[in-house]
Amino acid sequence: AQISMQLVARRDRIPNEAAQLVREVFFESYQQIIDRVHEETKNIPDRWWIEIPDDDKREYEVMMREVRLQLRERGYYSADMLTLQRRIRCKLDSSRAECADPQE
């Protein structure tokens, strides 16, 4: 996800052909990457995992949304990119506050 966000956000610096190639390679490798992350996750001792309470998760979501909007206002993030990302997040979890009140 980070790779694609950088390519969308920095399209003025990366030729479209190169960006498309990287997106395709990333897309084709995505499942392999996710499988590896899950496999490596099993190697982390239980004592290192921290369960984050749902209320804290909601606060983090609000904080991250505010940061994204500030970065958009400063010209670092594209409103189109943020809208696309919000739509994906809301498709996966429509209970998020941003789904009822889009601000991109």
PDB file of N, CA and C in Angstrom:
ATOM      1  N   ALA A   1       0.836  -1.196   0.000  1.00  0.00           N
ATOM      2  CA  ALA A   1       0.000   0.000   0.000  1.00  0.00           C
ATOM      3  C   ALA A   1       0.874   1.251   0.000  1.00  0.00           C
ATOM      4  N   GLN A   2       1.923   1.247   0.784  1.00  0.00           N
ATOM      5  CA  GLN A   2       2.784   2.428   0.826  1.00  0.00           C
ATOM      6  C   GLN A   2       3.398   2.716  -0.531  1.00  0.00           C
ATOM      7  N   ILE A   3       3.801   1.684  -1.231  1.00  0.00           N
ATOM      8  CA  ILE A   3       4.389   1.884  -2.558  1.00  0.00           C
ATOM      9  C   ILE A   3       3.396   2.577  -3.477  1.00  0.00           C
ATOM     10  N   SER A   4       2.157   2.092  -3.516  1.00  0.00           N
ATOM     11  CA  SER A   4       1.190   2.707  -4.413  1.00  0.00           C
ATOM     12  C   SER A   4       0.871   4.136  -4.005  1.00  0.00           C
ATOM     13  N   MET A   5       0.787   4.392  -2.694  1.00  0.00           N
ATOM     14  CA  MET A   5       0.488   5.747  -2.263  1.00  0.00           C
ATOM     15  C   MET A   5       1.594   6.700  -2.701  1.00  0.00           C
ATOM     16  N   GLN A   6       2.829   6.300  -2.591  1.00  0.00           N
ATOM     17  CA  GLN A   6       3.921   7.166  -3.004  1.00  0.00           C
ATOM     18  C   GLN A   6       3.862   7.431  -4.503  1.00  0.00           C
ATOM     19  N   LEU A   7       3.516   6.429  -5.282  1.00  0.00           N
ATOM     20  CA  LEU A   7       3.458   6.616  -6.724  1.00  0.00           C
ATOM     21  C   LEU A   7       2.306   7.524  -7.129  1.00  0.00           C
ATOM     22  N   VAL A   8       1.194   7.418  -6.452  1.00  0.00           N
ATOM     23  CA  VAL A   8       0.076   8.304  -6.751  1.00  0.00           C
ATOM     24  C   VAL A   8       0.401   9.721  -6.289  1.00  0.00           C
ATOM     25  N   ALA A   9       0.961   9.829  -5.092  1.00  0.00           N
ATOM     26  CA  ALA A   9       1.227  11.138  -4.509  1.00  0.00           C
ATOM     27  C   ALA A   9       2.355  11.876  -5.222  1.00  0.00           C
ATOM     28  N   ARG A  10       3.289  11.177  -5.827  1.00  0.00           N
ATOM     29  CA  ARG A  10       4.457  11.809  -6.440  1.00  0.00           C
ATOM     30  C   ARG A  10       4.461  11.632  -7.960  1.00  0.00           C
ATOM     31  N   ARG A  11       3.305  11.638  -8.576  1.00  0.00           N
ATOM     32  CA  ARG A  11       3.243  11.373 -10.008  1.00  0.00           C
ATOM     33  C   ARG A  11       3.975  12.419 -10.840  1.00  0.00           C
ATOM     34  N   ASP A  12       4.219  13.592 -10.268  1.00  0.00           N
ATOM     35  CA  ASP A  12       4.968  14.620 -10.991  1.00  0.00           C
ATOM     36  C   ASP A  12       6.463  14.286 -11.076  1.00  0.00           C
ATOM     37  N   ARG A  13       6.926  13.340 -10.254  1.00  0.00           N
ATOM     38  CA  ARG A  13       8.351  12.998 -10.232  1.00  0.00           C
ATOM     39  C   ARG A  13       8.655  11.619 -10.808  1.00  0.00           C
ATOM     40  N   ILE A  14       7.631  10.809 -10.980  1.00  0.00           N
ATOM     41  CA  ILE A  14       7.842   9.446 -11.457  1.00  0.00           C
ATOM     42  C   ILE A  14       7.125   9.289 -12.791  1.00  0.00           C
ATOM     43  N   PRO A  15       7.833   8.900 -13.835  1.00  0.00           N
ATOM     44  CA  PRO A  15       7.177   8.707 -15.131  1.00  0.00           C
ATOM     45  C   PRO A  15       6.035   7.695 -15.012  1.00  0.00           C
ATOM     46  N   ASN A  16       4.943   7.949 -15.694  1.00  0.00           N
ATOM     47  CA  ASN A  16       3.766   7.091 -15.593  1.00  0.00           C
ATOM     48  C   ASN A  16       4.085   5.628 -15.905  1.00  0.00           C
ATOM     49  N   GLU A  17       4.927   5.390 -16.883  1.00  0.00           N
ATOM     50  CA  GLU A  17       5.260   4.018 -17.247  1.00  0.00           C
ATOM     51  C   GLU A  17       5.951   3.290 -16.101  1.00  0.00           C
ATOM     52  N   ALA A  18       6.877   3.972 -15.439  1.00  0.00           N
ATOM     53  CA  ALA A  18       7.592   3.366 -14.311  1.00  0.00           C
ATOM     54  C   ALA A  18       6.626   3.127 -13.147  1.00  0.00           C
ATOM     55  N   ALA A  19       5.773   4.091 -12.897  1.00  0.00           N
ATOM     56  CA  ALA A  19       4.794   3.943 -11.816  1.00  0.00           C
ATOM     57  C   ALA A  19       3.872   2.759 -12.083  1.00  0.00           C
ATOM     58  N   GLN A  20       3.425   2.625 -13.317  1.00  0.00           N
ATOM     59  CA  GLN A  20       2.531   1.520 -13.649  1.00  0.00           C
ATOM     60  C   GLN A  20       3.234   0.179 -13.493  1.00  0.00           C
ATOM     61  N   LEU A  21       4.470   0.099 -13.908  1.00  0.00           N
ATOM     62  CA  LEU A  21       5.236  -1.142 -13.770  1.00  0.00           C
ATOM     63  C   LEU A  21       5.364  -1.533 -12.299  1.00  0.00           C
ATOM     64  N   VAL A  22       5.686  -0.582 -11.447  1.00  0.00           N
ATOM     65  CA  VAL A  22       5.839  -0.868 -10.021  1.00  0.00           C
ATOM     66  C   VAL A  22       4.495  -1.281  -9.421  1.00  0.00           C
ATOM     67  N   ARG A  23       3.412  -0.603  -9.818  1.00  0.00           N
ATOM     68  CA  ARG A  23       2.086  -0.985  -9.314  1.00  0.00           C
ATOM     69  C   ARG A  23       1.748  -2.415  -9.719  1.00  0.00           C
ATOM     70  N   GLU A  24       2.046  -2.786 -10.952  1.00  0.00           N
ATOM     71  CA  GLU A  24       1.740  -4.137 -11.426  1.00  0.00           C
ATOM     72  C   GLU A  24       2.552  -5.189 -10.673  1.00  0.00           C
ATOM     73  N   VAL A  25       3.833  -4.928 -10.490  1.00  0.00           N
ATOM     74  CA  VAL A  25       4.681  -5.874  -9.759  1.00  0.00           C
ATOM     75  C   VAL A  25       4.202  -5.987  -8.315  1.00  0.00           C
ATOM     76  N   PHE A  26       3.884  -4.866  -7.704  1.00  0.00           N
ATOM     77  CA  PHE A  26       3.381  -4.884  -6.329  1.00  0.00           C
ATOM     78  C   PHE A  26       2.077  -5.678  -6.251  1.00  0.00           C
ATOM     79  N   PHE A  27       1.156  -5.430  -7.189  1.00  0.00           N
ATOM     80  CA  PHE A  27      -0.126  -6.130  -7.201  1.00  0.00           C
ATOM     81  C   PHE A  27       0.087  -7.642  -7.365  1.00  0.00           C
ATOM     82  N   GLU A  28       0.952  -8.016  -8.285  1.00  0.00           N
ATOM     83  CA  GLU A  28       1.210  -9.438  -8.529  1.00  0.00           C
ATOM     84  C   GLU A  28       1.885 -10.113  -7.338  1.00  0.00           C
ATOM     85  N   SER A  29       2.620  -9.350  -6.547  1.00  0.00           N
ATOM     86  CA  SER A  29       3.348  -9.902  -5.399  1.00  0.00           C
ATOM     87  C   SER A  29       2.580  -9.771  -4.094  1.00  0.00           C
ATOM     88  N   TYR A  30       1.451  -9.098  -4.121  1.00  0.00           N
ATOM     89  CA  TYR A  30       0.747  -8.743  -2.890  1.00  0.00           C
ATOM     90  C   TYR A  30       0.459  -9.961  -2.014  1.00  0.00           C
ATOM     91  N   GLN A  31      -0.137 -11.003  -2.577  1.00  0.00           N
ATOM     92  CA  GLN A  31      -0.486 -12.167  -1.766  1.00  0.00           C
ATOM     93  C   GLN A  31       0.761 -12.821  -1.171  1.00  0.00           C
ATOM     94  N   GLN A  32       1.824 -12.875  -1.924  1.00  0.00           N
ATOM     95  CA  GLN A  32       3.077 -13.435  -1.416  1.00  0.00           C
ATOM     96  C   GLN A  32       3.594 -12.593  -0.248  1.00  0.00           C
ATOM     97  N   ILE A  33       3.492 -11.285  -0.367  1.00  0.00           N
ATOM     98  CA  ILE A  33       3.928 -10.388   0.710  1.00  0.00           C
ATOM     99  C   ILE A  33       3.076 -10.599   1.959  1.00  0.00           C
ATOM    100  N   ILE A  34       1.749 -10.647   1.776  1.00  0.00           N
ATOM    101  CA  ILE A  34       0.847 -10.846   2.909  1.00  0.00           C
ATOM    102  C   ILE A  34       1.110 -12.201   3.576  1.00  0.00           C
ATOM    103  N   ASP A  35       1.298 -13.238   2.767  1.00  0.00           N
ATOM    104  CA  ASP A  35       1.598 -14.557   3.325  1.00  0.00           C
ATOM    105  C   ASP A  35       2.871 -14.516   4.163  1.00  0.00           C
ATOM    106  N   ARG A  36       3.869 -13.812   3.680  1.00  0.00           N
ATOM    107  CA  ARG A  36       5.137 -13.704   4.421  1.00  0.00           C
ATOM    108  C   ARG A  36       4.951 -12.935   5.726  1.00  0.00           C
ATOM    109  N   VAL A  37       4.179 -11.878   5.685  1.00  0.00           N
ATOM    110  CA  VAL A  37       3.911 -11.104   6.904  1.00  0.00           C
ATOM    111  C   VAL A  37       3.222 -11.993   7.933  1.00  0.00           C
ATOM    112  N   HIS A  38       2.210 -12.764   7.503  1.00  0.00           N
ATOM    113  CA  HIS A  38       1.512 -13.662   8.427  1.00  0.00           C
ATOM    114  C   HIS A  38       2.460 -14.724   8.981  1.00  0.00           C
ATOM    115  N   GLU A  39       3.310 -15.238   8.135  1.00  0.00           N
ATOM    116  CA  GLU A  39       4.266 -16.261   8.577  1.00  0.00           C
ATOM    117  C   GLU A  39       5.242 -15.686   9.608  1.00  0.00           C
ATOM    118  N   GLU A  40       5.774 -14.500   9.330  1.00  0.00           N
ATOM    119  CA  GLU A  40       6.729 -13.884  10.263  1.00  0.00           C
ATOM    120  C   GLU A  40       6.044 -13.460  11.555  1.00  0.00           C
ATOM    121  N   THR A  41       4.779 -13.104  11.471  1.00  0.00           N
ATOM    122  CA  THR A  41       4.020 -12.712  12.657  1.00  0.00           C
ATOM    123  C   THR A  41       3.981 -13.841  13.676  1.00  0.00           C
ATOM    124  N   LYS A  42       3.935 -15.063  13.196  1.00  0.00           N
ATOM    125  CA  LYS A  42       3.899 -16.226  14.091  1.00  0.00           C
ATOM    126  C   LYS A  42       5.172 -16.333  14.934  1.00  0.00           C
ATOM    127  N   ASN A  43       6.259 -15.728  14.481  1.00  0.00           N
ATOM    128  CA  ASN A  43       7.533 -15.802  15.197  1.00  0.00           C
ATOM    129  C   ASN A  43       7.664 -14.772  16.316  1.00  0.00           C
ATOM    130  N   ILE A  44       6.701 -13.889  16.443  1.00  0.00           N
ATOM    131  CA  ILE A  44       6.757 -12.851  17.474  1.00  0.00           C
ATOM    132  C   ILE A  44       6.177 -13.418  18.768  1.00  0.00           C
ATOM    133  N   PRO A  45       6.951 -13.390  19.842  1.00  0.00           N
ATOM    134  CA  PRO A  45       6.446 -13.918  21.122  1.00  0.00           C
ATOM    135  C   PRO A  45       5.198 -13.161  21.589  1.00  0.00           C
ATOM    136  N   ASP A  46       4.277 -13.882  22.209  1.00  0.00           N
ATOM    137  CA  ASP A  46       3.016 -13.293  22.676  1.00  0.00           C
ATOM    138  C   ASP A  46       3.230 -12.081  23.578  1.00  0.00           C
ATOM    139  N   ARG A  47       4.302 -12.098  24.343  1.00  0.00           N
ATOM    140  CA  ARG A  47       4.513 -10.993  25.293  1.00  0.00           C
ATOM    141  C   ARG A  47       4.695  -9.636  24.606  1.00  0.00           C
ATOM    142  N   TRP A  48       5.037  -9.645  23.317  1.00  0.00           N
ATOM    143  CA  TRP A  48       5.259  -8.396  22.595  1.00  0.00           C
ATOM    144  C   TRP A  48       3.984  -7.828  21.961  1.00  0.00           C
ATOM    145  N   TRP A  49       2.934  -8.617  21.906  1.00  0.00           N
ATOM    146  CA  TRP A  49       1.682  -8.154  21.311  1.00  0.00           C
ATOM    147  C   TRP A  49       0.914  -7.306  22.321  1.00  0.00           C
ATOM    148  N   ILE A  50       0.397  -6.204  21.870  1.00  0.00           N
ATOM    149  CA  ILE A  50      -0.392  -5.312  22.727  1.00  0.00           C
ATOM    150  C   ILE A  50      -1.785  -5.207  22.126  1.00  0.00           C
ATOM    151  N   GLU A  51      -2.772  -5.523  22.923  1.00  0.00           N
ATOM    152  CA  GLU A  51      -4.157  -5.407  22.478  1.00  0.00           C
ATOM    153  C   GLU A  51      -4.600  -3.954  22.665  1.00  0.00           C
ATOM    154  N   ILE A  52      -5.007  -3.337  21.601  1.00  0.00           N
ATOM    155  CA  ILE A  52      -5.433  -1.937  21.655  1.00  0.00           C
ATOM    156  C   ILE A  52      -6.945  -1.907  21.839  1.00  0.00           C
ATOM    157  N   PRO A  53      -7.432  -1.236  22.887  1.00  0.00           N
ATOM    158  CA  PRO A  53      -8.881  -1.148  23.118  1.00  0.00           C
ATOM    159  C   PRO A  53      -9.585  -0.449  21.940  1.00  0.00           C
ATOM    160  N   ASP A  54     -10.818  -0.858  21.689  1.00  0.00           N
ATOM    161  CA  ASP A  54     -11.578  -0.294  20.564  1.00  0.00           C
ATOM    162  C   ASP A  54     -11.696   1.226  20.648  1.00  0.00           C
ATOM    163  N   ASP A  55     -11.889   1.773  21.859  1.00  0.00           N
ATOM    164  CA  ASP A  55     -11.990   3.236  21.990  1.00  0.00           C
ATOM    165  C   ASP A  55     -10.706   3.918  21.540  1.00  0.00           C
ATOM    166  N   ASP A  56      -9.569   3.335  21.876  1.00  0.00           N
ATOM    167  CA  ASP A  56      -8.287   3.898  21.453  1.00  0.00           C
ATOM    168  C   ASP A  56      -8.126   3.807  19.942  1.00  0.00           C
ATOM    169  N   LYS A  57      -8.572   2.694  19.372  1.00  0.00           N
ATOM    170  CA  LYS A  57      -8.497   2.545  17.915  1.00  0.00           C
ATOM    171  C   LYS A  57      -9.290   3.645  17.222  1.00  0.00           C
ATOM    172  N   ARG A  58     -10.483   3.949  17.754  1.00  0.00           N
ATOM    173  CA  ARG A  58     -11.307   5.015  17.160  1.00  0.00           C
ATOM    174  C   ARG A  58     -10.607   6.375  17.274  1.00  0.00           C
ATOM    175  N   GLU A  59      -9.956   6.611  18.404  1.00  0.00           N
ATOM    176  CA  GLU A  59      -9.213   7.867  18.566  1.00  0.00           C
ATOM    177  C   GLU A  59      -8.064   7.956  17.558  1.00  0.00           C
ATOM    178  N   TYR A  60      -7.371   6.848  17.349  1.00  0.00           N
ATOM    179  CA  TYR A  60      -6.283   6.817  16.365  1.00  0.00           C
ATOM    180  C   TYR A  60      -6.819   7.087  14.961  1.00  0.00           C
ATOM    181  N   GLU A  61      -7.975   6.521  14.638  1.00  0.00           N
ATOM    182  CA  GLU A  61      -8.575   6.747  13.324  1.00  0.00           C
ATOM    183  C   GLU A  61      -8.875   8.228  13.105  1.00  0.00           C
ATOM    184  N   VAL A  62      -9.422   8.879  14.130  1.00  0.00           N
ATOM    185  CA  VAL A  62      -9.724  10.310  14.037  1.00  0.00           C
ATOM    186  C   VAL A  62      -8.433  11.109  13.886  1.00  0.00           C
ATOM    187  N   MET A  63      -7.433  10.782  14.691  1.00  0.00           N
ATOM    188  CA  MET A  63      -6.155  11.485  14.627  1.00  0.00           C
ATOM    189  C   MET A  63      -5.516  11.328  13.236  1.00  0.00           C
ATOM    190  N   MET A  64      -5.505  10.114  12.717  1.00  0.00           N
ATOM    191  CA  MET A  64      -4.898   9.891  11.402  1.00  0.00           C
ATOM    192  C   MET A  64      -5.674  10.609  10.299  1.00  0.00           C
ATOM    193  N   ARG A  65      -6.976  10.661  10.423  1.00  0.00           N
ATOM    194  CA  ARG A  65      -7.788  11.388   9.442  1.00  0.00           C
ATOM    195  C   ARG A  65      -7.428  12.869   9.450  1.00  0.00           C
ATOM    196  N   GLU A  66      -7.292  13.433  10.633  1.00  0.00           N
ATOM    197  CA  GLU A  66      -6.935  14.848  10.740  1.00  0.00           C
ATOM    198  C   GLU A  66      -5.578  15.116  10.107  1.00  0.00           C
ATOM    199  N   VAL A  67      -4.637  14.214  10.329  1.00  0.00           N
ATOM    200  CA  VAL A  67      -3.303  14.367   9.740  1.00  0.00           C
ATOM    201  C   VAL A  67      -3.390  14.298   8.212  1.00  0.00           C
ATOM    202  N   ARG A  68      -4.151  13.335   7.686  1.00  0.00           N
ATOM    203  CA  ARG A  68      -4.299  13.223   6.228  1.00  0.00           C
ATOM    204  C   ARG A  68      -4.885  14.502   5.640  1.00  0.00           C
ATOM    205  N   LEU A  69      -5.901  15.056   6.293  1.00  0.00           N
ATOM    206  CA  LEU A  69      -6.519  16.279   5.789  1.00  0.00           C
ATOM    207  C   LEU A  69      -5.550  17.467   5.855  1.00  0.00           C
ATOM    208  N   GLN A  70      -4.763  17.543   6.913  1.00  0.00           N
ATOM    209  CA  GLN A  70      -3.757  18.603   7.008  1.00  0.00           C
ATOM    210  C   GLN A  70      -2.718  18.465   5.895  1.00  0.00           C
ATOM    211  N   LEU A  71      -2.284  17.245   5.638  1.00  0.00           N
ATOM    212  CA  LEU A  71      -1.301  17.030   4.571  1.00  0.00           C
ATOM    213  C   LEU A  71      -1.900  17.342   3.203  1.00  0.00           C
ATOM    214  N   ARG A  72      -3.183  17.098   3.038  1.00  0.00           N
ATOM    215  CA  ARG A  72      -3.855  17.490   1.795  1.00  0.00           C
ATOM    216  C   ARG A  72      -3.849  19.010   1.651  1.00  0.00           C
ATOM    217  N   GLU A  73      -4.183  19.712   2.732  1.00  0.00           N
ATOM    218  CA  GLU A  73      -4.224  21.176   2.698  1.00  0.00           C
ATOM    219  C   GLU A  73      -2.849  21.775   2.401  1.00  0.00           C
ATOM    220  N   ARG A  74      -1.808  21.117   2.820  1.00  0.00           N
ATOM    221  CA  ARG A  74      -0.439  21.601   2.574  1.00  0.00           C
ATOM    222  C   ARG A  74       0.093  21.186   1.207  1.00  0.00           C
ATOM    223  N   GLY A  75      -0.708  20.410   0.477  1.00  0.00           N
ATOM    224  CA  GLY A  75      -0.317  20.020  -0.864  1.00  0.00           C
ATOM    225  C   GLY A  75       0.510  18.747  -0.946  1.00  0.00           C
ATOM    226  N   TYR A  76       0.663  18.043   0.170  1.00  0.00           N
ATOM    227  CA  TYR A  76       1.434  16.807   0.158  1.00  0.00           C
ATOM    228  C   TYR A  76       0.603  15.623  -0.331  1.00  0.00           C
ATOM    229  N   TYR A  77      -0.689  15.631  -0.029  1.00  0.00           N
ATOM    230  CA  TYR A  77      -1.568  14.531  -0.416  1.00  0.00           C
ATOM    231  C   TYR A  77      -2.581  15.025  -1.443  1.00  0.00           C
ATOM    232  N   SER A  78      -2.908  14.165  -2.352  1.00  0.00           N
ATOM    233  CA  SER A  78      -3.919  14.427  -3.368  1.00  0.00           C
ATOM    234  C   SER A  78      -5.303  14.125  -2.796  1.00  0.00           C
ATOM    235  N   ALA A  79      -6.255  15.023  -3.026  1.00  0.00           N
ATOM    236  CA  ALA A  79      -7.629  14.783  -2.579  1.00  0.00           C
ATOM    237  C   ALA A  79      -8.196  13.539  -3.260  1.00  0.00           C
ATOM    238  N   ASP A  80      -7.859  13.336  -4.524  1.00  0.00           N
ATOM    239  CA  ASP A  80      -8.335  12.144  -5.239  1.00  0.00           C
ATOM    240  C   ASP A  80      -7.797  10.872  -4.588  1.00  0.00           C
ATOM    241  N   MET A  81      -6.515  10.889  -4.208  1.00  0.00           N
ATOM    242  CA  MET A  81      -5.912   9.734  -3.557  1.00  0.00           C
ATOM    243  C   MET A  81      -6.602   9.468  -2.228  1.00  0.00           C
ATOM    244  N   LEU A  82      -6.848  10.516  -1.450  1.00  0.00           N
ATOM    245  CA  LEU A  82      -7.485  10.348  -0.150  1.00  0.00           C
ATOM    246  C   LEU A  82      -8.909   9.823  -0.296  1.00  0.00           C
ATOM    247  N   THR A  83      -9.614  10.284  -1.303  1.00  0.00           N
ATOM    248  CA  THR A  83     -10.974   9.791  -1.540  1.00  0.00           C
ATOM    249  C   THR A  83     -10.954   8.314  -1.877  1.00  0.00           C
ATOM    250  N   LEU A  84     -10.045   7.918  -2.736  1.00  0.00           N
ATOM    251  CA  LEU A  84      -9.926   6.501  -3.095  1.00  0.00           C
ATOM    252  C   LEU A  84      -9.607   5.657  -1.864  1.00  0.00           C
ATOM    253  N   GLN A  85      -8.669   6.099  -1.067  1.00  0.00           N
ATOM    254  CA  GLN A  85      -8.302   5.340   0.130  1.00  0.00           C
ATOM    255  C   GLN A  85      -9.473   5.256   1.110  1.00  0.00           C
ATOM    256  N   ARG A  86     -10.194   6.364   1.285  1.00  0.00           N
ATOM    257  CA  ARG A  86     -11.355   6.351   2.186  1.00  0.00           C
ATOM    258  C   ARG A  86     -12.404   5.368   1.685  1.00  0.00           C
ATOM    259  N   ARG A  87     -12.659   5.380   0.394  1.00  0.00           N
ATOM    260  CA  ARG A  87     -13.656   4.470  -0.172  1.00  0.00           C
ATOM    261  C   ARG A  87     -13.264   3.010   0.080  1.00  0.00           C
ATOM    262  N   ILE A  88     -11.984   2.710  -0.026  1.00  0.00           N
ATOM    263  CA  ILE A  88     -11.518   1.348   0.245  1.00  0.00           C
ATOM    264  C   ILE A  88     -11.705   1.016   1.725  1.00  0.00           C
ATOM    265  N   ARG A  89     -11.291   1.929   2.605  1.00  0.00           N
ATOM    266  CA  ARG A  89     -11.458   1.677   4.042  1.00  0.00           C
ATOM    267  C   ARG A  89     -12.924   1.482   4.399  1.00  0.00           C
ATOM    268  N   CYS A  90     -13.798   2.297   3.813  1.00  0.00           N
ATOM    269  CA  CYS A  90     -15.224   2.209   4.130  1.00  0.00           C
ATOM    270  C   CYS A  90     -15.859   0.953   3.536  1.00  0.00           C
ATOM    271  N   LYS A  91     -15.329   0.488   2.432  1.00  0.00           N
ATOM    272  CA  LYS A  91     -15.832  -0.775   1.872  1.00  0.00           C
ATOM    273  C   LYS A  91     -15.497  -1.928   2.804  1.00  0.00           C
ATOM    274  N   LEU A  92     -14.326  -1.864   3.422  1.00  0.00           N
ATOM    275  CA  LEU A  92     -13.898  -2.913   4.344  1.00  0.00           C
ATOM    276  C   LEU A  92     -14.560  -2.789   5.711  1.00  0.00           C
ATOM    277  N   ASP A  93     -14.867  -1.546   6.124  1.00  0.00           N
ATOM    278  CA  ASP A  93     -15.474  -1.316   7.439  1.00  0.00           C
ATOM    279  C   ASP A  93     -16.323  -0.046   7.385  1.00  0.00           C
ATOM    280  N   SER A  94     -17.601  -0.213   7.109  1.00  0.00           N
ATOM    281  CA  SER A  94     -18.489   0.949   6.932  1.00  0.00           C
ATOM    282  C   SER A  94     -18.855   1.631   8.244  1.00  0.00           C
ATOM    283  N   SER A  95     -18.433   1.085   9.384  1.00  0.00           N
ATOM    284  CA  SER A  95     -18.746   1.705  10.669  1.00  0.00           C
ATOM    285  C   SER A  95     -17.793   2.853  11.025  1.00  0.00           C
ATOM    286  N   ARG A  96     -16.765   3.040  10.227  1.00  0.00           N
ATOM    287  CA  ARG A  96     -15.801   4.113  10.515  1.00  0.00           C
ATOM    288  C   ARG A  96     -16.486   5.473  10.414  1.00  0.00           C
ATOM    289  N   ALA A  97     -16.089   6.403  11.268  1.00  0.00           N
ATOM    290  CA  ALA A  97     -16.702   7.732  11.290  1.00  0.00           C
ATOM    291  C   ALA A  97     -16.568   8.443   9.945  1.00  0.00           C
ATOM    292  N   GLU A  98     -15.457   8.261   9.272  1.00  0.00           N
ATOM    293  CA  GLU A  98     -15.227   8.950   8.011  1.00  0.00           C
ATOM    294  C   GLU A  98     -16.193   8.512   6.908  1.00  0.00           C
ATOM    295  N   CYS A  99     -16.814   7.352   7.074  1.00  0.00           N
ATOM    296  CA  CYS A  99     -17.745   6.848   6.065  1.00  0.00           C
ATOM    297  C   CYS A  99     -19.043   7.644   6.066  1.00  0.00           C
ATOM    298  N   ALA A 100     -19.440   8.122   7.227  1.00  0.00           N
ATOM    299  CA  ALA A 100     -20.665   8.914   7.351  1.00  0.00           C
ATOM    300  C   ALA A 100     -20.410  10.396   7.093  1.00  0.00           C
ATOM    301  N   ASP A 101     -19.149  10.806   7.181  1.00  0.00           N
ATOM    302  CA  ASP A 101     -18.814  12.229   7.054  1.00  0.00           C
ATOM    303  C   ASP A 101     -17.537  12.411   6.228  1.00  0.00           C
ATOM    304  N   PRO A 102     -17.588  12.128   4.909  1.00  0.00           N
ATOM    305  CA  PRO A 102     -16.386  12.276   4.087  1.00  0.00           C
ATOM    306  C   PRO A 102     -15.969  13.743   3.967  1.00  0.00           C
ATOM    307  N   GLN A 103     -14.670  13.993   4.084  1.00  0.00           N
ATOM    308  CA  GLN A 103     -14.164  15.367   4.021  1.00  0.00           C
ATOM    309  C   GLN A 103     -13.053  15.554   3.009  1.00  0.00           C
ATOM    310  N   GLU A 104     -12.763  14.550   2.210  1.00  0.00           N
ATOM    311  CA  GLU A 104     -11.683  14.690   1.253  1.00  0.00           C
ATOM    312  C   GLU A 104     -12.100  15.633   0.161  1.00  0.00           C
TER     313      GLU A 104
END
